[in-house]
Every structure is written in structure tokens, then in C-alpha cells.
Amino acid sequence: MVNGEIALYGIFGIACAYSLFATYIQNRFGEREKNMKIQAEFKELNKQIEEAVKAKDKKRIDELSEKQNKMMPQVMGASFTQLKPLIIILPVLMIVPPVLMGVFDKFTIDLPFKLPVFITNLLNFELLFGDFNTWLNWRSHFGPIGWFWISVLISALLVGLFNKAREELKKRGVMTSSSQGGQHALGGVIDAGSKKQV
């Protein structure tokens, strides 16, 4: 049995490590920047088609439609690429919960507020198709798995905020090449996958 405070921070640390790992894998193999560029181009193309339709410009519509058809394989490929990281992440995710239950089996935590837990009643069809508030399982008491997922959400939010702030600083030119070299380890992990050129 592990001490309660050690278990609390231990599980949170594992959740943070998992979030960083998942972010790295998504950036490394998900080709995020390339996919975002494709999606932006496709969105802009659809906008131009709508404008051409409103203007009743048949020639323009035909040109843009042909361009749209040529772009569809790229859009489909981008959608498939986003699933590639799951091949690595899911096996890890299957290992973590049993390990947590084995090491921190006696750990419990009572939060000062309640959170909705969906999966508990997911297979209860009577509740599933009943009142939505009844389907939600509001809880403040969690074991190691529940605390792990709460910690994953917290750490993922922090990573997302850090990444967004870093990108904003880059856009404003605040972060010079020298300051980027001395970034916090968190930034290095997040940035590692995004530097891959496709």
C-alpha cells in the first residue's frame, strides 16, 4: 500500500507524463501543421464556391469544383493521418489503468465538488434513454483511475494553454532564437514533433 499523499502526486505525475507523451506522439505522427493547412485551404475553397454560386458564375463554379475534387484525396488522407497516433497511444492506455490499480489500489480522493461521470451508466440502457440528468453520475469520490483521468484533463489543459501562449509569443516576435533555445522542457517535448517536415 502506498502513502496517500505519495499516491496523489504519483498518479498526477503519471497523468502529466501521459499527456506529454500523447501530445508528442500526436505532433510527431499526426502531421498536425500539414493537416491544419489542408483543412484551411479546403475551407477557403468551399467559401469561394459559395460566393461563386451566389454570383451565378458558372465558369468559376466549374473551375473551383474541379479543384475541390482534386483536393479530396488530400482531405481524406489528412483524416486518416489523424488516426495514426492512436496506434501508439491506445496500447499505452491499456497498460496504465491496470498498473495504477495494482500500485495504488487503496487510494481514494474526495473532491470539494462533484463531476459528471458518463461511463458508469453507459451500458444501463434504462438510464441511457431516460432523463439526461439521471444518466449523468455526479461524483466527488474517486479511486486511482478516476483521479488519473481528472489529472489527465488538468495536465492536457495546462499543456494546451502553454502551447497556445508560446505560439502567440512567436507570432509577436517576443521569443527570439536564443530564448527558444532555453525553453522549458515542456516546450521541448511539445515542439519535438511539430518540427518534422512533410
Protein backbone atom coordinates (compact mmCIF):
# COMPACT_ATOMS: atom_id res chain seq x y z
CA MET A 1 0.00 0.00 0.00
CA VAL A 2 1.33 3.43 -1.00
CA ASN A 3 1.03 6.50 1.23
CA GLY A 4 -1.99 8.63 0.32
CA GLU A 5 -0.05 11.83 -0.42
CA ILE A 6 2.56 9.95 -2.45
CA ALA A 7 -0.23 8.24 -4.40
CA LEU A 8 -1.95 11.59 -5.01
CA TYR A 9 1.11 13.19 -6.59
CA GLY A 10 2.33 9.94 -8.09
CA ILE A 11 -0.86 9.44 -10.10
CA PHE A 12 -0.87 13.11 -11.08
CA GLY A 13 2.74 12.78 -12.26
CA ILE A 14 1.88 9.70 -14.33
CA ALA A 15 -1.06 11.60 -15.85
CA CYS A 16 1.21 14.54 -16.76
CA ALA A 17 3.72 12.16 -18.33
CA TYR A 18 0.93 10.52 -20.30
CA SER A 19 -0.37 13.90 -21.52
CA LEU A 20 3.10 14.96 -22.67
CA PHE A 21 3.64 11.60 -24.34
CA ALA A 22 0.27 11.76 -26.13
CA THR A 23 0.96 15.35 -27.25
CA TYR A 24 4.38 14.40 -28.56
CA ILE A 25 3.01 11.39 -30.48
CA GLN A 26 0.19 13.47 -31.98
CA ASN A 27 2.64 16.15 -33.13
CA ARG A 28 5.21 13.62 -34.34
CA PHE A 29 2.94 11.28 -36.28
CA GLY A 30 -0.31 13.23 -36.67
CA GLU A 31 1.22 15.82 -39.03
CA ARG A 32 -0.84 18.49 -37.29
CA GLU A 33 0.52 21.51 -39.15
CA LYS A 34 0.12 19.88 -42.56
CA ASN A 35 -3.45 18.78 -41.76
CA MET A 36 -4.39 22.23 -40.47
CA LYS A 37 -3.06 23.77 -43.69
CA ILE A 38 -5.09 21.33 -45.83
CA GLN A 39 -8.24 21.98 -43.79
CA ALA A 40 -7.76 25.76 -44.07
CA GLU A 41 -7.30 25.53 -47.85
CA PHE A 42 -10.36 23.30 -48.21
CA LYS A 43 -12.45 25.64 -46.08
CA GLU A 44 -11.36 28.62 -48.16
CA LEU A 45 -12.16 26.70 -51.34
CA ASN A 46 -15.68 25.95 -50.10
CA LYS A 47 -16.13 29.62 -49.27
CA GLN A 48 -15.12 30.60 -52.79
CA ILE A 49 -17.57 28.07 -54.25
CA GLU A 50 -20.40 29.53 -52.16
CA GLU A 51 -19.53 33.02 -53.38
CA ALA A 52 -19.44 31.81 -56.98
CA VAL A 53 -22.84 30.14 -56.56
CA LYS A 54 -24.31 33.37 -55.17
CA ALA A 55 -22.82 35.28 -58.11
CA LYS A 56 -24.11 32.62 -60.52
CA ASP A 57 -20.67 32.44 -62.12
CA LYS A 58 -20.89 29.01 -63.79
CA LYS A 59 -17.36 29.09 -65.19
CA ARG A 60 -15.93 29.92 -61.77
CA ILE A 61 -18.05 27.20 -60.14
CA ASP A 62 -16.78 24.59 -62.59
CA GLU A 63 -13.14 25.60 -62.02
CA LEU A 64 -13.45 25.54 -58.24
CA SER A 65 -15.41 22.27 -58.27
CA GLU A 66 -12.68 20.62 -60.30
CA LYS A 67 -10.09 21.93 -57.86
CA GLN A 68 -12.20 20.66 -54.97
CA ASN A 69 -12.38 17.16 -56.47
CA LYS A 70 -8.61 17.08 -56.93
CA MET A 71 -8.16 18.11 -53.31
CA MET A 72 -10.44 15.43 -51.84
CA PRO A 73 -7.72 12.72 -51.64
CA GLN A 74 -5.61 15.11 -49.55
CA VAL A 75 -8.55 15.80 -47.22
CA MET A 76 -9.25 12.08 -46.82
CA GLY A 77 -5.56 11.41 -46.25
CA ALA A 78 -5.42 14.10 -43.57
CA SER A 79 -8.37 12.49 -41.77
CA PHE A 80 -6.62 9.10 -41.81
CA THR A 81 -3.33 10.63 -40.65
CA GLN A 82 -5.03 11.99 -37.53
CA LEU A 83 -5.83 8.41 -36.51
CA LYS A 84 -2.21 7.20 -36.78
CA PRO A 85 -1.17 8.35 -33.27
CA LEU A 86 -3.87 6.11 -31.76
CA ILE A 87 -1.91 3.05 -32.89
CA ILE A 88 0.76 4.03 -30.35
CA ILE A 89 -1.34 5.78 -27.71
CA LEU A 90 -4.06 3.14 -27.24
CA PRO A 91 -1.74 0.25 -26.26
CA VAL A 92 -0.13 2.50 -23.63
CA LEU A 93 -3.58 3.49 -22.41
CA MET A 94 -4.49 -0.18 -21.99
CA ILE A 95 -1.45 -0.74 -19.76
CA VAL A 96 -1.74 2.29 -17.46
CA PRO A 97 -5.08 1.57 -15.65
CA PRO A 98 -4.14 -1.99 -14.51
CA VAL A 99 -0.78 -0.68 -13.28
CA LEU A 100 -2.48 2.11 -11.32
CA MET A 101 -4.94 -0.33 -9.77
CA GLY A 102 -2.10 -2.64 -8.78
CA VAL A 103 0.18 0.02 -7.27
CA PHE A 104 -2.39 2.46 -5.84
CA ASP A 105 -5.24 0.01 -5.14
CA LYS A 106 -6.18 1.60 -1.78
CA PHE A 107 -6.07 5.19 -2.95
CA THR A 108 -9.23 7.33 -2.84
CA ILE A 109 -9.82 11.05 -3.07
CA ASP A 110 -12.80 13.23 -2.16
CA LEU A 111 -13.04 16.43 -4.18
CA PRO A 112 -14.79 19.52 -2.79
CA PHE A 113 -17.11 19.46 -5.81
CA LYS A 114 -18.88 16.86 -7.95
CA LEU A 115 -18.03 15.90 -11.51
CA PRO A 116 -20.21 14.09 -14.07
CA VAL A 117 -19.09 10.55 -14.88
CA PHE A 118 -20.65 9.18 -18.08
CA ILE A 119 -19.16 5.73 -18.46
CA THR A 120 -20.69 4.33 -15.25
CA ASN A 121 -24.20 4.33 -16.72
CA LEU A 122 -23.14 3.90 -20.32
CA LEU A 123 -24.40 0.30 -20.52
CA ASN A 124 -27.50 0.90 -18.43
CA PHE A 125 -30.00 1.25 -21.29
CA GLU A 126 -32.86 2.15 -18.96
CA LEU A 127 -30.92 5.22 -17.83
CA LEU A 128 -29.24 5.78 -21.20
CA PHE A 129 -32.54 6.51 -22.92
CA GLY A 130 -34.14 8.13 -19.90
CA ASP A 131 -33.69 11.52 -18.30
CA PHE A 132 -30.29 13.08 -19.10
CA ASN A 133 -29.72 14.23 -15.52
CA THR A 134 -30.40 10.69 -14.30
CA TRP A 135 -27.93 9.30 -16.86
CA LEU A 136 -25.17 11.55 -15.52
CA ASN A 137 -23.45 10.09 -12.49
CA TRP A 138 -22.29 13.05 -10.39
CA ARG A 139 -19.48 12.07 -8.04
CA SER A 140 -16.90 13.67 -5.77
CA HIS A 141 -15.34 10.39 -4.59
CA PHE A 142 -12.79 8.78 -6.93
CA GLY A 143 -10.29 5.95 -6.96
CA PRO A 144 -6.92 5.81 -8.74
CA ILE A 145 -8.41 5.52 -12.25
CA GLY A 146 -10.83 8.41 -11.73
CA TRP A 147 -8.09 10.63 -10.29
CA PHE A 148 -5.82 9.67 -13.18
CA TRP A 149 -8.35 10.87 -15.78
CA ILE A 150 -9.05 14.07 -13.86
CA SER A 151 -5.29 14.68 -13.75
CA VAL A 152 -5.00 13.95 -17.48
CA LEU A 153 -7.66 16.60 -18.19
CA ILE A 154 -5.90 19.13 -15.96
CA SER A 155 -2.44 18.47 -17.42
CA ALA A 156 -3.78 18.44 -21.01
CA LEU A 157 -5.41 21.83 -20.36
CA LEU A 158 -2.14 23.21 -18.98
CA VAL A 159 -0.18 21.86 -21.95
CA GLY A 160 -2.72 23.38 -24.34
CA LEU A 161 -2.56 26.78 -22.64
CA PHE A 162 1.23 26.69 -22.60
CA ASN A 163 1.37 25.76 -26.28
CA LYS A 164 -1.12 28.49 -27.22
CA ALA A 165 0.77 31.13 -25.23
CA ARG A 166 4.05 30.06 -26.82
CA GLU A 167 2.58 30.32 -30.32
CA GLU A 168 1.20 33.79 -29.55
CA LEU A 169 4.63 34.92 -28.34
CA LYS A 170 6.21 33.56 -31.52
CA LYS A 171 3.68 35.46 -33.66
CA ARG A 172 4.50 38.69 -31.84
CA GLY A 173 8.23 38.05 -32.23
CA VAL A 174 8.80 38.06 -28.46
CA MET A 175 10.55 34.68 -28.46
CA THR A 176 13.93 35.07 -30.19
CA SER A 177 16.08 32.19 -31.36
CA SER A 178 18.20 32.42 -28.21
CA SER A 179 15.20 32.40 -25.88
CA GLN A 180 13.72 29.45 -27.76
CA GLY A 181 16.91 27.52 -27.14
CA GLY A 182 16.41 27.90 -23.41
CA GLN A 183 12.76 26.91 -23.31
CA HIS A 184 11.33 24.87 -20.51
CA ALA A 185 11.42 21.09 -21.02
CA LEU A 186 7.68 21.10 -21.56
CA GLY A 187 8.06 23.27 -24.65
CA GLY A 188 10.75 20.98 -25.97
CA VAL A 189 8.55 17.93 -25.72
CA ILE A 190 5.63 19.67 -27.39
CA ASP A 191 7.82 21.12 -30.11
CA ALA A 192 9.70 17.95 -30.92
CA GLY A 193 7.03 16.54 -33.21
CA SER A 194 5.98 19.79 -34.83
CA LYS A 195 9.43 20.29 -36.38
CA LYS A 196 9.04 17.29 -38.66
CA GLN A 197 8.77 18.42 -42.25
CA VAL A 198 6.42 16.53 -44.59
